[in-house]
Amino acid sequence: MTIEIKPEVKAATDQRLQSGSFHDVDELLMTALSKLPEDRRFDRDVRREAVRRMREFSKESKLSLGEPVTRDLVHEGHRF
């Protein structure tokens, strides 16, 4: 398999390998991949719950849509 990467990514990879942090590119990639969430829906569900809680807080606190903070919260909710 051939993978093309940007020069800055190659430089960062080379730097990590030279520092001894990883034995080879495979180890570096497996470590990086293991940091990714297994299921992207989890992230989406967490965000949706946060937006739901923000909206609930807005109602309980009687915030109006004219307030900058409330507008930002509503806008954030539209992203998810």
N, C-alpha and C. Protein backbone atom coordinates (compact mmCIF):
# COMPACT_ATOMS: atom_id res chain seq x y z
N MET A 1 0.85 -1.17 0.00
CA MET A 1 0.00 0.00 0.00
C MET A 1 0.90 1.24 0.00
N THR A 2 0.53 2.21 -0.81
CA THR A 2 1.26 3.46 -0.84
C THR A 2 0.39 4.54 -0.21
N ILE A 3 0.98 5.27 0.72
CA ILE A 3 0.26 6.35 1.39
C ILE A 3 1.04 7.63 1.16
N GLU A 4 0.35 8.66 0.68
CA GLU A 4 0.99 9.95 0.49
C GLU A 4 0.66 10.83 1.68
N ILE A 5 1.68 11.45 2.25
CA ILE A 5 1.46 12.34 3.39
C ILE A 5 2.12 13.68 3.11
N LYS A 6 1.64 14.69 3.79
CA LYS A 6 2.18 16.04 3.64
C LYS A 6 3.58 16.08 4.24
N PRO A 7 4.42 16.98 3.72
CA PRO A 7 5.78 17.07 4.24
C PRO A 7 5.85 17.33 5.75
N GLU A 8 4.92 18.12 6.28
CA GLU A 8 4.95 18.41 7.71
C GLU A 8 4.58 17.18 8.55
N VAL A 9 3.74 16.32 7.99
CA VAL A 9 3.39 15.08 8.69
C VAL A 9 4.59 14.13 8.66
N LYS A 10 5.26 14.07 7.52
CA LYS A 10 6.46 13.23 7.43
C LYS A 10 7.53 13.72 8.40
N ALA A 11 7.70 15.03 8.49
CA ALA A 11 8.70 15.59 9.41
C ALA A 11 8.36 15.24 10.86
N ALA A 12 7.08 15.35 11.22
CA ALA A 12 6.66 15.02 12.58
C ALA A 12 6.86 13.53 12.85
N THR A 13 6.55 12.71 11.86
CA THR A 13 6.74 11.26 12.00
C THR A 13 8.22 10.94 12.17
N ASP A 14 9.06 11.51 11.31
CA ASP A 14 10.51 11.28 11.40
C ASP A 14 11.05 11.72 12.76
N GLN A 15 10.56 12.85 13.24
CA GLN A 15 11.01 13.37 14.53
C GLN A 15 10.68 12.39 15.66
N ARG A 16 9.45 11.84 15.63
CA ARG A 16 9.04 10.88 16.66
C ARG A 16 9.87 9.60 16.59
N LEU A 17 10.14 9.16 15.37
CA LEU A 17 10.95 7.94 15.21
C LEU A 17 12.38 8.17 15.68
N GLN A 18 12.94 9.32 15.35
CA GLN A 18 14.32 9.63 15.74
C GLN A 18 14.45 9.81 17.25
N SER A 19 13.38 10.26 17.88
CA SER A 19 13.44 10.49 19.33
C SER A 19 13.41 9.18 20.11
N GLY A 20 13.04 8.11 19.41
CA GLY A 20 12.95 6.82 20.08
C GLY A 20 11.59 6.55 20.71
N SER A 21 10.64 7.46 20.49
CA SER A 21 9.29 7.27 21.05
C SER A 21 8.62 6.03 20.48
N PHE A 22 8.94 5.70 19.24
CA PHE A 22 8.35 4.55 18.56
C PHE A 22 9.46 3.79 17.83
N HIS A 23 9.28 2.48 17.71
CA HIS A 23 10.29 1.67 17.05
C HIS A 23 10.22 1.79 15.53
N ASP A 24 8.99 1.92 15.02
CA ASP A 24 8.82 2.03 13.57
C ASP A 24 7.50 2.74 13.26
N VAL A 25 7.27 2.98 11.97
CA VAL A 25 6.07 3.69 11.54
C VAL A 25 4.81 2.91 11.91
N ASP A 26 4.87 1.59 11.81
CA ASP A 26 3.70 0.77 12.17
C ASP A 26 3.28 1.00 13.62
N GLU A 27 4.25 1.03 14.51
CA GLU A 27 3.94 1.25 15.93
C GLU A 27 3.34 2.64 16.14
N LEU A 28 3.92 3.63 15.47
CA LEU A 28 3.40 5.00 15.58
C LEU A 28 1.96 5.07 15.08
N LEU A 29 1.69 4.48 13.93
CA LEU A 29 0.34 4.51 13.37
C LEU A 29 -0.66 3.74 14.24
N MET A 30 -0.27 2.58 14.74
CA MET A 30 -1.18 1.81 15.59
C MET A 30 -1.50 2.56 16.87
N THR A 31 -0.51 3.26 17.42
CA THR A 31 -0.76 4.05 18.62
C THR A 31 -1.72 5.20 18.32
N ALA A 32 -1.48 5.88 17.20
CA ALA A 32 -2.36 6.98 16.81
C ALA A 32 -3.78 6.48 16.55
N LEU A 33 -3.91 5.37 15.84
CA LEU A 33 -5.23 4.84 15.53
C LEU A 33 -5.96 4.37 16.79
N SER A 34 -5.22 3.88 17.76
CA SER A 34 -5.87 3.42 18.99
C SER A 34 -6.47 4.57 19.79
N LYS A 35 -6.03 5.79 19.52
CA LYS A 35 -6.55 6.96 20.22
C LYS A 35 -7.87 7.44 19.64
N LEU A 36 -8.22 6.99 18.44
CA LEU A 36 -9.47 7.40 17.81
C LEU A 36 -10.64 6.67 18.46
N PRO A 37 -11.79 7.34 18.56
CA PRO A 37 -12.95 6.65 19.12
C PRO A 37 -13.37 5.50 18.22
N GLU A 38 -13.81 4.42 18.83
CA GLU A 38 -14.24 3.24 18.08
C GLU A 38 -15.48 3.55 17.25
N ASP A 39 -16.38 4.29 17.83
CA ASP A 39 -17.66 4.53 17.19
C ASP A 39 -17.92 6.04 17.20
N ARG A 40 -17.95 6.63 16.05
CA ARG A 40 -18.17 8.08 15.96
C ARG A 40 -19.54 8.50 16.49
N ARG A 41 -20.51 7.56 16.49
CA ARG A 41 -21.83 7.89 17.02
C ARG A 41 -21.76 8.26 18.48
N PHE A 42 -20.81 7.67 19.21
CA PHE A 42 -20.65 7.99 20.63
C PHE A 42 -20.38 9.48 20.79
N ASP A 43 -19.46 10.01 20.00
CA ASP A 43 -19.16 11.43 20.07
C ASP A 43 -20.40 12.26 19.75
N ARG A 44 -21.12 11.85 18.73
CA ARG A 44 -22.32 12.58 18.33
C ARG A 44 -23.36 12.53 19.44
N ASP A 45 -23.54 11.37 20.06
CA ASP A 45 -24.51 11.24 21.15
C ASP A 45 -24.13 12.10 22.35
N VAL A 46 -22.86 12.13 22.67
CA VAL A 46 -22.38 12.96 23.78
C VAL A 46 -22.65 14.43 23.48
N ARG A 47 -22.37 14.84 22.26
CA ARG A 47 -22.61 16.25 21.88
C ARG A 47 -24.09 16.58 21.91
N ARG A 48 -24.91 15.68 21.38
CA ARG A 48 -26.35 15.93 21.38
C ARG A 48 -26.88 16.07 22.81
N GLU A 49 -26.40 15.23 23.70
CA GLU A 49 -26.82 15.32 25.10
C GLU A 49 -26.39 16.65 25.71
N ALA A 50 -25.18 17.09 25.39
CA ALA A 50 -24.70 18.38 25.90
C ALA A 50 -25.57 19.52 25.39
N VAL A 51 -25.92 19.48 24.12
CA VAL A 51 -26.78 20.52 23.54
C VAL A 51 -28.16 20.47 24.19
N ARG A 52 -28.69 19.26 24.39
CA ARG A 52 -30.00 19.14 25.04
C ARG A 52 -29.97 19.76 26.43
N ARG A 53 -28.89 19.49 27.17
CA ARG A 53 -28.77 20.04 28.52
C ARG A 53 -28.62 21.56 28.48
N MET A 54 -27.91 22.09 27.48
CA MET A 54 -27.78 23.54 27.36
C MET A 54 -29.13 24.18 27.08
N ARG A 55 -29.91 23.55 26.20
CA ARG A 55 -31.24 24.09 25.90
C ARG A 55 -32.14 24.04 27.12
N GLU A 56 -32.06 22.94 27.87
CA GLU A 56 -32.84 22.81 29.10
C GLU A 56 -32.45 23.91 30.09
N PHE A 57 -31.15 24.12 30.24
CA PHE A 57 -30.66 25.18 31.12
C PHE A 57 -31.19 26.54 30.67
N SER A 58 -31.18 26.76 29.37
CA SER A 58 -31.67 28.02 28.81
C SER A 58 -33.13 28.25 29.18
N LYS A 59 -33.95 27.20 29.07
CA LYS A 59 -35.37 27.33 29.42
C LYS A 59 -35.54 27.59 30.90
N GLU A 60 -34.83 26.82 31.73
CA GLU A 60 -34.96 26.97 33.18
C GLU A 60 -34.48 28.35 33.64
N SER A 61 -33.47 28.88 32.96
CA SER A 61 -32.91 30.18 33.34
C SER A 61 -33.60 31.34 32.65
N LYS A 62 -34.58 31.00 31.80
CA LYS A 62 -35.35 32.00 31.06
C LYS A 62 -34.45 32.95 30.28
N LEU A 63 -33.50 32.36 29.55
CA LEU A 63 -32.62 33.15 28.69
C LEU A 63 -33.35 33.41 27.39
N SER A 64 -33.17 34.60 26.85
CA SER A 64 -33.83 34.93 25.59
C SER A 64 -32.88 34.67 24.43
N LEU A 65 -33.46 34.50 23.24
CA LEU A 65 -32.64 34.26 22.06
C LEU A 65 -31.81 35.48 21.68
N GLY A 66 -32.14 36.64 22.21
CA GLY A 66 -31.39 37.85 21.89
C GLY A 66 -30.05 37.93 22.61
N GLU A 67 -29.84 37.11 23.61
CA GLU A 67 -28.60 37.17 24.36
C GLU A 67 -27.50 36.42 23.59
N PRO A 68 -26.30 37.00 23.55
CA PRO A 68 -25.21 36.36 22.78
C PRO A 68 -24.93 34.93 23.20
N VAL A 69 -24.95 34.66 24.49
CA VAL A 69 -24.65 33.29 24.95
C VAL A 69 -25.71 32.33 24.43
N THR A 70 -26.96 32.71 24.49
CA THR A 70 -28.04 31.85 24.02
C THR A 70 -27.94 31.63 22.52
N ARG A 71 -27.66 32.68 21.77
CA ARG A 71 -27.51 32.53 20.32
C ARG A 71 -26.40 31.54 20.00
N ASP A 72 -25.30 31.62 20.73
CA ASP A 72 -24.19 30.69 20.52
C ASP A 72 -24.61 29.25 20.81
N LEU A 73 -25.37 29.06 21.89
CA LEU A 73 -25.83 27.71 22.24
C LEU A 73 -26.75 27.15 21.16
N VAL A 74 -27.67 27.98 20.67
CA VAL A 74 -28.59 27.53 19.64
C VAL A 74 -27.82 27.20 18.37
N HIS A 75 -26.87 28.05 18.02
CA HIS A 75 -26.05 27.80 16.83
C HIS A 75 -25.28 26.49 16.99
N GLU A 76 -24.74 26.25 18.15
CA GLU A 76 -23.99 25.01 18.41
C GLU A 76 -24.90 23.80 18.24
N GLY A 77 -26.14 23.92 18.66
CA GLY A 77 -27.09 22.83 18.52
C GLY A 77 -27.39 22.48 17.08
N HIS A 78 -27.35 23.46 16.19
CA HIS A 78 -27.63 23.21 14.78
C HIS A 78 -26.53 22.41 14.11
N ARG A 79 -25.35 22.40 14.67
CA ARG A 79 -24.24 21.66 14.08
C ARG A 79 -24.43 20.17 14.24
N PHE A 80 -25.25 19.75 15.21
CA PHE A 80 -25.41 18.33 15.50
C PHE A 80 -26.82 17.94 15.25
